[in-house]
Protein backbone atom coordinates (compact mmCIF):
# COMPACT_ATOMS: atom_id res chain seq x y z
CA UNK A 1 -23.36 -1.78 3.40
CA UNK A 2 -23.06 1.78 2.07
CA UNK A 3 -22.39 2.29 -1.60
CA UNK A 4 -18.92 3.95 -0.79
CA UNK A 5 -18.07 0.90 1.32
CA UNK A 6 -19.23 -1.46 -1.42
CA UNK A 7 -17.11 0.36 -4.13
CA UNK A 8 -14.07 0.26 -1.72
CA UNK A 9 -14.43 -3.41 -1.08
CA UNK A 10 -15.13 -4.44 -4.72
CA UNK A 11 -12.99 -1.82 -6.40
CA UNK A 12 -10.64 -4.26 -8.23
CA UNK A 13 -13.36 -6.77 -9.49
CA UNK A 14 -15.57 -3.75 -10.59
CA UNK A 15 -12.49 -2.21 -12.55
CA UNK A 16 -11.83 -5.63 -14.20
CA UNK A 17 -15.49 -6.17 -15.45
CA UNK A 18 -15.26 -3.55 -18.23
CA UNK A 19 -11.98 -5.17 -19.51
CA UNK A 20 -13.65 -8.63 -19.55
CA UNK A 21 -16.67 -7.32 -21.42
CA UNK A 22 -14.54 -5.61 -23.96
CA UNK A 23 -12.45 -8.66 -24.70
CA UNK A 24 -15.31 -11.11 -24.66
CA UNK A 25 -17.12 -8.97 -27.25
CA UNK A 26 -13.85 -8.85 -29.34
CA UNK A 27 -13.62 -12.63 -29.20
CA UNK A 28 -17.21 -12.84 -30.19
CA UNK A 29 -16.68 -10.77 -33.26
CA UNK A 30 -13.56 -12.69 -34.20
CA UNK A 31 -15.33 -15.87 -33.91
CA UNK A 32 -18.41 -14.77 -35.62
CA UNK A 33 -16.70 -13.50 -38.65
CA UNK A 34 -14.26 -16.35 -38.86
CA UNK A 35 -10.97 -14.39 -38.17
CA UNK A 36 -9.68 -17.09 -35.91
CA UNK A 37 -6.29 -17.87 -37.56
CA UNK A 38 -4.63 -20.10 -34.84
CA UNK A 39 -5.39 -23.68 -34.17
CA UNK A 40 -5.85 -24.88 -30.51
CA UNK A 41 -2.71 -26.59 -29.53
CA UNK A 42 -2.01 -28.74 -26.27
CA UNK A 43 0.95 -26.36 -25.53
CA UNK A 44 -1.66 -23.78 -24.57
CA UNK A 45 -2.03 -25.32 -21.18
CA UNK A 46 1.78 -25.12 -20.59
CA UNK A 47 1.87 -21.58 -21.76
CA UNK A 48 -0.95 -20.47 -19.47
CA UNK A 49 0.58 -22.42 -16.49
CA UNK A 50 3.94 -20.75 -17.09
CA UNK A 51 2.34 -17.26 -17.12
CA UNK A 52 0.49 -17.92 -13.94
CA UNK A 53 3.78 -19.14 -12.37
CA UNK A 54 5.53 -16.04 -13.32
CA UNK A 55 2.81 -13.89 -11.88
CA UNK A 56 2.98 -15.76 -8.70
CA UNK A 57 6.73 -15.32 -8.46
CA UNK A 58 6.52 -11.57 -8.99
CA UNK A 59 3.56 -11.24 -6.54
CA UNK A 60 5.53 -13.17 -3.91
CA UNK A 61 8.40 -10.75 -4.34
CA UNK A 62 6.31 -7.60 -4.12
CA UNK A 63 4.40 -9.06 -1.09
CA UNK A 64 7.39 -8.67 1.22
CA UNK A 65 7.22 -4.86 0.84
CA UNK A 66 3.59 -4.94 1.46
CA UNK A 67 3.98 -6.98 4.62
CA UNK A 68 6.76 -4.56 5.76
CA UNK A 69 4.49 -1.70 5.10
CA UNK A 70 1.85 -3.15 7.39
CA UNK A 71 4.19 -2.82 10.37
CA UNK A 72 5.23 0.87 9.89
CA UNK A 73 1.95 2.49 11.20
CA UNK A 74 2.22 0.36 14.37
CA UNK A 75 5.88 1.09 14.91
CA UNK A 76 5.24 4.96 14.32
CA UNK A 77 2.25 4.82 16.64
CA UNK A 78 4.11 2.84 19.41
CA UNK A 79 7.23 5.24 19.47
CA UNK A 80 5.04 8.26 19.43
CA UNK A 81 2.94 7.04 22.26
CA UNK A 82 6.01 6.14 24.22
CA UNK A 83 7.30 9.76 23.92
CA UNK A 84 3.93 11.13 24.87
CA UNK A 85 3.60 9.00 28.02
CA UNK A 86 7.23 9.85 29.11
CA UNK A 87 6.36 13.45 28.60
CA UNK A 88 3.29 13.14 30.81
CA UNK A 89 5.48 11.58 33.64
CA UNK A 90 8.04 14.33 33.17
CA UNK A 91 5.20 17.00 33.61
CA UNK A 92 4.18 15.40 36.79
CA UNK A 93 7.59 15.85 38.43
CA UNK A 94 8.64 19.05 36.76
CA UNK A 95 5.71 21.42 36.27
CA UNK A 96 7.63 23.86 34.16
CA UNK A 97 7.89 21.27 31.23
CA UNK A 98 5.88 22.40 28.27
CA UNK A 99 3.80 19.26 27.60
CA UNK A 100 1.58 21.09 25.24
CA UNK A 101 4.52 21.73 22.82
CA UNK A 102 5.32 18.15 22.85
CA UNK A 103 1.76 17.03 22.15
CA UNK A 104 1.63 19.46 19.20
CA UNK A 105 4.84 18.17 17.74
CA UNK A 106 3.57 14.52 17.99
CA UNK A 107 0.35 15.45 16.33
CA UNK A 108 2.22 17.31 13.58
CA UNK A 109 4.17 14.12 12.96
CA UNK A 110 1.15 11.92 12.73
CA UNK A 111 -0.85 14.38 10.50
CA UNK A 112 2.26 14.83 8.42
CA UNK A 113 2.66 11.24 7.91
CA UNK A 114 -0.77 10.88 6.52
CA UNK A 115 -0.33 13.89 4.17
CA UNK A 116 3.08 12.43 3.01
CA UNK A 117 1.29 9.39 1.82
CA UNK A 118 -0.67 11.42 -0.72
CA UNK A 119 2.42 12.96 -2.32
CA UNK A 120 5.57 10.96 -2.59
CA UNK A 121 7.72 14.20 -2.63
CA UNK A 122 6.22 15.39 0.82
CA UNK A 123 8.43 15.21 3.87
CA UNK A 124 6.10 17.00 6.33
CA UNK A 125 6.37 14.25 9.24
CA UNK A 126 10.22 14.23 8.81
CA UNK A 127 10.37 17.95 9.26
CA UNK A 128 8.02 17.78 12.30
CA UNK A 129 10.15 15.06 13.84
CA UNK A 130 13.00 17.50 14.49
CA UNK A 131 10.68 19.48 16.65
CA UNK A 132 11.04 16.75 19.25
CA UNK A 133 14.54 17.80 19.91
CA UNK A 134 13.51 21.06 21.47
CA UNK A 135 11.31 19.06 24.04
CA UNK A 136 14.24 16.82 24.84
CA UNK A 137 16.55 19.83 25.26
CA UNK A 138 13.94 21.29 27.66
CA UNK A 139 13.89 18.11 29.69
CA UNK A 140 17.69 18.05 29.93
CA UNK A 141 17.54 21.67 31.17
CA UNK A 142 14.90 20.78 33.86
CA UNK A 143 17.35 18.24 35.25
CA UNK A 144 15.83 15.03 33.75
CA UNK A 145 18.10 12.01 33.90
CA UNK A 146 20.36 11.68 30.85
CA UNK A 147 19.54 8.03 30.19
CA UNK A 148 15.84 9.02 30.29
CA UNK A 149 16.32 11.65 27.49
CA UNK A 150 18.55 9.19 25.50
CA UNK A 151 15.81 6.60 25.53
CA UNK A 152 13.30 9.18 24.13
CA UNK A 153 15.83 10.17 21.45
CA UNK A 154 16.10 6.36 20.53
CA UNK A 155 12.28 6.44 19.96
CA UNK A 156 12.80 9.48 17.79
CA UNK A 157 15.19 7.43 15.72
CA UNK A 158 12.66 4.71 15.45
CA UNK A 159 10.15 7.10 14.08
CA UNK A 160 12.74 8.57 11.52
CA UNK A 161 13.58 5.07 10.30
CA UNK A 162 10.05 4.03 9.98
CA UNK A 163 9.24 7.26 8.00
CA UNK A 164 12.09 6.71 5.60
CA UNK A 165 11.13 3.09 4.97
CA UNK A 166 7.54 4.24 4.30
CA UNK A 167 8.65 6.88 1.92
CA UNK A 168 10.97 4.49 0.07
CA UNK A 169 8.23 1.72 -0.28
CA UNK A 170 5.64 4.21 -1.40
CA UNK A 171 7.86 5.87 -4.10
CA UNK A 172 10.02 3.06 -5.52
CA UNK A 173 8.33 0.66 -7.97
CA UNK A 174 9.47 -3.00 -7.67
CA UNK A 175 11.41 -4.00 -10.80
CA UNK A 176 9.57 -1.90 -13.50
CA UNK A 177 11.13 -4.33 -16.05
CA UNK A 178 9.31 -7.16 -14.29
CA UNK A 179 6.09 -5.25 -14.31
CA UNK A 180 6.46 -4.59 -18.20
CA UNK A 181 7.18 -8.31 -18.68
CA UNK A 182 3.96 -9.28 -16.82
CA UNK A 183 1.91 -6.84 -18.88
CA UNK A 184 3.45 -8.12 -22.04
CA UNK A 185 2.74 -11.75 -21.13
CA UNK A 186 -0.90 -10.91 -20.37
CA UNK A 187 -1.42 -8.99 -23.66
CA UNK A 188 0.37 -11.78 -25.71
CA UNK A 189 -1.74 -14.55 -24.03
CA UNK A 190 -5.03 -13.05 -24.32
CA UNK A 191 -4.38 -11.77 -27.84
CA UNK A 192 -3.33 -15.29 -28.85
CA UNK A 193 -6.41 -16.74 -27.13
CA UNK A 194 -8.84 -14.31 -29.02
CA UNK A 195 -7.52 -15.50 -32.43
CA UNK A 196 -7.54 -19.09 -31.52
CA UNK A 197 -10.28 -21.39 -32.89
CA UNK A 198 -12.17 -22.92 -29.87
CA UNK A 199 -15.32 -24.78 -30.49
CA UNK A 200 -17.98 -24.15 -29.45
CA UNK A 201 -17.97 -20.34 -29.36
CA UNK A 202 -19.68 -20.01 -26.07
CA UNK A 203 -16.75 -22.06 -24.52
CA UNK A 204 -14.13 -19.86 -26.00
CA UNK A 205 -15.99 -16.72 -24.53
CA UNK A 206 -15.99 -18.38 -21.14
CA UNK A 207 -12.37 -19.16 -21.27
CA UNK A 208 -11.40 -15.67 -22.40
CA UNK A 209 -13.58 -14.18 -19.50
CA UNK A 210 -12.03 -16.32 -16.82
CA UNK A 211 -8.40 -15.82 -18.03
CA UNK A 212 -8.88 -12.13 -18.31
CA UNK A 213 -10.29 -11.73 -14.88
CA UNK A 214 -7.31 -13.65 -13.45
CA UNK A 215 -4.69 -11.75 -15.36
CA UNK A 216 -6.17 -8.33 -15.05
CA UNK A 217 -6.71 -8.86 -11.26
CA UNK A 218 -3.22 -9.90 -10.75
CA UNK A 219 -2.03 -6.91 -12.56
CA UNK A 220 -3.97 -4.60 -10.33
CA UNK A 221 -2.69 -6.36 -7.29
CA UNK A 222 0.76 -5.65 -8.24
CA UNK A 223 0.01 -1.92 -8.16
CA UNK A 224 -1.56 -2.18 -4.77
CA UNK A 225 1.48 -4.11 -3.31
CA UNK A 226 3.78 -1.47 -4.88
CA UNK A 227 2.09 1.41 -3.02
CA UNK A 228 0.40 -0.07 0.11
CA UNK A 229 -0.42 3.14 1.78
CA UNK A 230 -3.56 4.83 0.61
CA UNK A 231 -4.88 7.21 3.27
CA UNK A 232 -8.24 7.66 1.64
CA UNK A 233 -8.99 3.93 2.02
CA UNK A 234 -9.54 3.39 -1.70
CA UNK A 235 -9.56 -0.56 -1.55
CA UNK A 236 -9.97 -3.14 1.15
CA UNK A 237 -6.38 -4.11 0.66
CA UNK A 238 -4.82 -0.75 1.69
CA UNK A 239 -2.57 -0.78 4.89
CA UNK A 240 -4.79 0.64 7.62
CA UNK A 241 -3.80 3.71 9.51
CA UNK A 242 -6.33 3.17 12.37
CA UNK A 243 -3.64 3.19 14.87
CA UNK A 244 -2.28 6.45 13.81
CA UNK A 245 -5.73 8.00 13.94
CA UNK A 246 -6.56 6.53 17.39
CA UNK A 247 -3.39 8.04 18.77
CA UNK A 248 -4.11 11.30 17.26
CA UNK A 249 -7.44 11.34 19.02
CA UNK A 250 -5.95 10.38 22.41
CA UNK A 251 -3.18 12.98 22.22
CA UNK A 252 -5.66 15.66 20.91
CA UNK A 253 -7.92 15.23 23.93
CA UNK A 254 -5.15 15.20 26.45
CA UNK A 255 -3.21 18.16 24.87
């Protein structure tokens, strides 16, 4: 496994380790100098369990957007390929049809979609999508059956809908107040744990390390679920765009 692939697959754990190291060191200093001012209480178990339940509830809510985001590249690729294949058939029966222009428009849509994911304000794919109308008008002028053209316009509508859904998911944060609540709970729980007297000290360090790993990991997962599209493939949890890339290659070779 290459270094880049290793870092991509283990990005979240590796980013969590420095936080664990800092908090464990802080807990050690607090325990070593006797600054622990809170006595261990049986209610701790309930508090930690309640926090984990809250995190699970919010993760389940954001997971729906992530799962919807996984469908979008396949929907866009399928609709674009349907339009491309229909264009190839039209070219076989009507030699005057400009198939190259249709291919260039489809490639602009696919490339624009990948670029739009890098900037939430970009709408390159949506602008390129309007270029399909010129090819549809050309088909109509060449005598292609109206229901045939209507079917292609329906596919154009599917692409537009999928693009708008992707823009919305990528830009809108799920309940910012809930994310603030999760962050606050994590800070309070870990802060309370650091100033709680737990004997022996090594056991306290292990508990801090484990809970910090769980909580900080969950916090980073929430960020990934909120923005599932990462064209650079920064983590192993990103929504894959391989179908978009494969279609770009096929249309590029044919066009």
